[in-house]
C-alpha atoms as a PDB file:
ATOM      1  CA  MET A   1     199.000 126.775 121.788  1.00  0.00           C
ATOM      2  CA  VAL A   2     197.015 128.228 118.853  1.00  0.00           C
ATOM      3  CA  MET A   3     194.818 131.262 118.944  1.00  0.00           C
ATOM      4  CA  ASP A   4     191.609 129.364 119.913  1.00  0.00           C
ATOM      5  CA  GLY A   5     193.268 128.024 122.972  1.00  0.00           C
ATOM      6  CA  SER A   6     193.879 124.412 121.824  1.00  0.00           C
ATOM      7  CA  TRP A   7     197.316 122.656 122.087  1.00  0.00           C
ATOM      8  CA  THR A   8     199.128 121.876 118.978  1.00  0.00           C
ATOM      9  CA  GLY A   9     201.338 119.241 120.496  1.00  0.00           C
ATOM     10  CA  ILE A  10     205.118 118.769 120.289  1.00  0.00           C
ATOM     11  CA  VAL A  11     206.884 119.971 117.264  1.00  0.00           C
ATOM     12  CA  ASP A  12     207.839 117.111 114.933  1.00  0.00           C
ATOM     13  CA  VAL A  13     211.662 116.965 114.695  1.00  0.00           C
ATOM     14  CA  GLY A  14     211.771 113.486 113.220  1.00  0.00           C
ATOM     15  CA  SER A  15     212.912 114.711 109.769  1.00  0.00           C
ATOM     16  CA  LYS A  16     215.701 116.984 110.984  1.00  0.00           C
ATOM     17  CA  PRO A  17     219.228 115.644 110.806  1.00  0.00           C
ATOM     18  CA  VAL A  18     221.177 114.643 113.823  1.00  0.00           C
ATOM     19  CA  VAL A  19     223.903 117.211 114.322  1.00  0.00           C
ATOM     20  CA  ALA A  20     226.370 118.229 117.033  1.00  0.00           C
ATOM     21  CA  ARG A  21     224.772 120.886 119.160  1.00  0.00           C
ATOM     22  CA  GLU A  22     225.920 122.857 122.162  1.00  0.00           C
ATOM     23  CA  ALA A  23     224.350 125.563 124.274  1.00  0.00           C
ATOM     24  CA  VAL A  24     225.971 127.685 127.008  1.00  0.00           C
ATOM     25  CA  ALA A  25     223.833 129.713 129.528  1.00  0.00           C
ATOM     26  CA  THR A  26     224.778 131.713 132.521  1.00  0.00           C
ATOM     27  CA  GLY A  27     223.120 133.703 135.377  1.00  0.00           C
ATOM     28  CA  VAL A  28     223.924 135.340 138.624  1.00  0.00           C
ATOM     29  CA  LEU A  29     222.697 135.110 142.244  1.00  0.00           C
ATOM     30  CA  THR A  30     223.240 138.429 143.880  1.00  0.00           C
ATOM     31  CA  LEU A  31     224.192 138.046 147.591  1.00  0.00           C
ATOM     32  CA  SER A  32     225.198 140.125 150.580  1.00  0.00           C
ATOM     33  CA  PRO A  33     228.880 140.441 151.266  1.00  0.00           C
ATOM     34  CA  GLU A  34     228.449 137.830 154.030  1.00  0.00           C
ATOM     35  CA  GLY A  35     226.740 135.439 151.797  1.00  0.00           C
ATOM     36  CA  LEU A  36     229.638 135.852 149.205  1.00  0.00           C
ATOM     37  CA  ASP A  37     232.126 135.261 151.955  1.00  0.00           C
ATOM     38  CA  VAL A  38     230.283 132.070 153.060  1.00  0.00           C
ATOM     39  CA  VAL A  39     230.462 130.616 149.431  1.00  0.00           C
ATOM     40  CA  ALA A  40     234.033 131.737 148.767  1.00  0.00           C
ATOM     41  CA  ASN A  41     235.317 130.104 152.017  1.00  0.00           C
ATOM     42  CA  GLY A  42     232.955 127.059 152.133  1.00  0.00           C
ATOM     43  CA  ARG A  43     231.289 127.971 155.378  1.00  0.00           C
ATOM     44  CA  SER A  44     227.550 127.366 154.613  1.00  0.00           C
ATOM     45  CA  PRO A  45     225.851 125.519 157.465  1.00  0.00           C
ATOM     46  CA  LYS A  46     224.155 123.324 154.788  1.00  0.00           C
ATOM     47  CA  GLY A  47     227.325 122.179 153.154  1.00  0.00           C
ATOM     48  CA  ASP A  48     229.352 123.115 150.133  1.00  0.00           C
ATOM     49  CA  VAL A  49     227.184 125.436 148.128  1.00  0.00           C
ATOM     50  CA  ARG A  50     228.891 125.002 144.776  1.00  0.00           C
ATOM     51  CA  GLU A  51     229.164 121.265 145.018  1.00  0.00           C
ATOM     52  CA  ALA A  52     225.497 120.700 145.920  1.00  0.00           C
ATOM     53  CA  SER A  53     224.306 123.216 143.399  1.00  0.00           C
ATOM     54  CA  THR A  54     226.352 121.526 140.642  1.00  0.00           C
ATOM     55  CA  VAL A  55     224.408 118.377 141.303  1.00  0.00           C
ATOM     56  CA  ALA A  56     221.178 120.416 141.131  1.00  0.00           C
ATOM     57  CA  SER A  57     222.186 121.920 137.772  1.00  0.00           C
ATOM     58  CA  ILE A  58     223.053 118.521 136.288  1.00  0.00           C
ATOM     59  CA  GLN A  59     219.719 116.996 137.399  1.00  0.00           C
ATOM     60  CA  ALA A  60     217.777 119.946 135.947  1.00  0.00           C
ATOM     61  CA  VAL A  61     219.554 119.540 132.604  1.00  0.00           C
ATOM     62  CA  LYS A  62     218.624 115.855 132.531  1.00  0.00           C
ATOM     63  CA  GLU A  63     215.015 116.437 133.605  1.00  0.00           C
ATOM     64  CA  THR A  64     214.288 119.454 131.435  1.00  0.00           C
ATOM     65  CA  PRO A  65     211.491 117.783 129.418  1.00  0.00           C
ATOM     66  CA  ARG A  66     209.688 116.884 132.698  1.00  0.00           C
ATOM     67  CA  THR A  67     209.595 120.571 133.579  1.00  0.00           C
ATOM     68  CA  LEU A  68     209.026 122.166 130.222  1.00  0.00           C
ATOM     69  CA  PRO A  69     206.191 120.282 128.349  1.00  0.00           C
ATOM     70  CA  HIS A  70     207.227 121.176 124.710  1.00  0.00           C
ATOM     71  CA  CYS A  71     210.951 120.090 125.252  1.00  0.00           C
ATOM     72  CA  HIS A  72     211.923 116.785 123.636  1.00  0.00           C
ATOM     73  CA  PRO A  73     213.943 114.274 125.521  1.00  0.00           C
ATOM     74  CA  VAL A  74     217.438 114.786 124.441  1.00  0.00           C
ATOM     75  CA  PRO A  75     220.395 112.306 124.848  1.00  0.00           C
ATOM     76  CA  ILE A  76     222.691 114.472 126.852  1.00  0.00           C
ATOM     77  CA  GLU A  77     226.307 113.742 125.929  1.00  0.00           C
ATOM     78  CA  GLY A  78     228.137 116.260 128.149  1.00  0.00           C
ATOM     79  CA  CYS A  79     227.287 118.802 130.703  1.00  0.00           C
ATOM     80  CA  THR A  80     229.725 121.166 132.613  1.00  0.00           C
ATOM     81  CA  VAL A  81     228.862 123.456 135.402  1.00  0.00           C
ATOM     82  CA  ASP A  82     231.220 126.343 136.329  1.00  0.00           C
ATOM     83  CA  TRP A  83     230.942 128.707 139.340  1.00  0.00           C
ATOM     84  CA  GLU A  84     232.583 132.081 139.758  1.00  0.00           C
ATOM     85  CA  VAL A  85     232.430 134.247 142.839  1.00  0.00           C
ATOM     86  CA  GLU A  86     232.103 137.781 141.549  1.00  0.00           C
ATOM     87  CA  LYS A  87     232.003 141.182 143.236  1.00  0.00           C
ATOM     88  CA  ALA A  88     228.220 141.172 143.845  1.00  0.00           C
ATOM     89  CA  GLY A  89     227.230 137.540 143.345  1.00  0.00           C
ATOM     90  CA  LEU A  90     227.688 133.902 142.427  1.00  0.00           C
ATOM     91  CA  ARG A  91     227.692 133.164 138.753  1.00  0.00           C
ATOM     92  CA  CYS A  92     226.671 129.780 137.356  1.00  0.00           C
ATOM     93  CA  THR A  93     227.541 128.821 133.759  1.00  0.00           C
ATOM     94  CA  VAL A  94     226.262 125.515 132.235  1.00  0.00           C
ATOM     95  CA  SER A  95     227.277 123.989 129.003  1.00  0.00           C
ATOM     96  CA  VAL A  96     225.291 121.211 127.455  1.00  0.00           C
ATOM     97  CA  ARG A  97     226.346 119.013 124.442  1.00  0.00           C
ATOM     98  CA  THR A  98     224.604 116.502 122.235  1.00  0.00           C
ATOM     99  CA  HIS A  99     224.289 115.032 118.820  1.00  0.00           C
ATOM    100  CA  TRP A 100     220.604 115.264 118.159  1.00  0.00           C
ATOM    101  CA  THR A 101     217.700 116.739 116.103  1.00  0.00           C
ATOM    102  CA  THR A 102     216.985 119.606 118.420  1.00  0.00           C
ATOM    103  CA  GLY A 103     218.977 122.002 120.522  1.00  0.00           C
ATOM    104  CA  VAL A 104     219.758 122.203 124.187  1.00  0.00           C
ATOM    105  CA  GLU A 105     219.324 125.810 125.016  1.00  0.00           C
ATOM    106  CA  MET A 106     216.474 125.070 127.341  1.00  0.00           C
ATOM    107  CA  GLU A 107     218.559 122.375 129.221  1.00  0.00           C
ATOM    108  CA  ALA A 108     221.350 124.838 129.726  1.00  0.00           C
ATOM    109  CA  LEU A 109     218.848 127.572 130.996  1.00  0.00           C
ATOM    110  CA  CYS A 110     217.188 125.042 133.390  1.00  0.00           C
ATOM    111  CA  GLY A 111     220.652 123.973 134.573  1.00  0.00           C
ATOM    112  CA  VAL A 112     221.605 127.536 135.421  1.00  0.00           C
ATOM    113  CA  SER A 113     218.199 128.223 137.067  1.00  0.00           C
ATOM    114  CA  ALA A 114     218.203 125.170 139.286  1.00  0.00           C
ATOM    115  CA  GLY A 115     221.869 125.705 140.294  1.00  0.00           C
ATOM    116  CA  LEU A 116     221.170 129.306 141.415  1.00  0.00           C
ATOM    117  CA  LEU A 117     218.064 128.269 143.224  1.00  0.00           C
ATOM    118  CA  CYS A 118     219.850 125.512 145.022  1.00  0.00           C
ATOM    119  CA  ALA A 119     222.560 128.005 146.076  1.00  0.00           C
ATOM    120  CA  TRP A 120     220.005 130.508 147.353  1.00  0.00           C
ATOM    121  CA  ASP A 121     218.300 127.669 149.294  1.00  0.00           C
ATOM    122  CA  MET A 122     221.603 126.757 150.912  1.00  0.00           C
ATOM    123  CA  LEU A 123     222.200 130.364 151.849  1.00  0.00           C
ATOM    124  CA  LYS A 124     218.801 131.314 153.252  1.00  0.00           C
ATOM    125  CA  PRO A 125     220.001 131.432 156.796  1.00  0.00           C
ATOM    126  CA  ILE A 126     222.678 133.991 155.847  1.00  0.00           C
ATOM    127  CA  GLU A 127     220.608 135.975 153.368  1.00  0.00           C
ATOM    128  CA  LYS A 128     217.493 136.481 155.505  1.00  0.00           C
ATOM    129  CA  ASP A 129     217.054 139.674 157.420  1.00  0.00           C
ATOM    130  CA  SER A 130     215.550 140.018 160.856  1.00  0.00           C
ATOM    131  CA  GLU A 131     212.126 140.213 159.221  1.00  0.00           C
ATOM    132  CA  GLY A 132     212.593 136.984 157.200  1.00  0.00           C
ATOM    133  CA  GLN A 133     213.044 138.804 153.847  1.00  0.00           C
ATOM    134  CA  TYR A 134     215.755 138.613 151.305  1.00  0.00           C
ATOM    135  CA  PRO A 135     216.950 142.211 150.614  1.00  0.00           C
ATOM    136  CA  ASN A 136     220.009 141.153 148.590  1.00  0.00           C
ATOM    137  CA  ALA A 137     219.339 137.820 147.058  1.00  0.00           C
ATOM    138  CA  ARG A 138     218.295 138.058 143.448  1.00  0.00           C
ATOM    139  CA  VAL A 139     218.533 135.526 140.623  1.00  0.00           C
ATOM    140  CA  GLN A 140     219.392 137.696 137.632  1.00  0.00           C
ATOM    141  CA  ASP A 141     220.467 137.861 133.920  1.00  0.00           C
ATOM    142  CA  VAL A 142     219.772 134.296 133.160  1.00  0.00           C
ATOM    143  CA  HIS A 143     220.473 133.991 129.350  1.00  0.00           C
ATOM    144  CA  VAL A 144     221.945 131.914 126.662  1.00  0.00           C
ATOM    145  CA  VAL A 145     225.557 133.068 125.986  1.00  0.00           C
ATOM    146  CA  ARG A 146     225.884 131.042 122.794  1.00  0.00           C
ATOM    147  CA  LYS A 147     224.574 128.017 120.955  1.00  0.00           C
ATOM    148  CA  SER A 148     226.146 126.128 118.124  1.00  0.00           C
ATOM    149  CA  LYS A 149     224.901 123.631 115.534  1.00  0.00           C
ATOM    150  CA  GLY A 150     227.361 121.505 113.593  1.00  0.00           C
ATOM    151  CA  ASP A 151     227.064 119.597 110.232  1.00  0.00           C
ATOM    152  CA  PRO A 152     224.819 116.624 109.870  1.00  0.00           C
ATOM    153  CA  GLN A 153     226.332 113.307 110.841  1.00  0.00           C
ATOM    154  CA  ASP A 154     227.456 111.107 108.016  1.00  0.00           C
END
């Protein structure tokens, strides 16, 4: 958007070279000790939290341009989703790879966000208190860990 409120459109990346690109993003869903135990031991009433949330992450990576209007459709060549149960929460790390004219940082961030939200949704019965609130659950520290851009293709 420019200062007068009008839209400028999508940035033209047509003249940029096709290069290898990768982005890695991560974030944490803080949970109660009970929620962490449920994830670590696969006891969620809604199924395997990490398995279902991996699917949500991958879908979000592939659908990023439908969610974020200025993102270009990118031919995703690879995507990995890793989960780690930490002392205070569940960490999701998403890596996205392509050879294209624009990066994949937003795809990695969308993957992390959707994965953590799916996990939270699956853990709602455990994380809700007697008043229906979520005193422990928080999506936190979602950020790009690194991105790389290689040489133009020959």
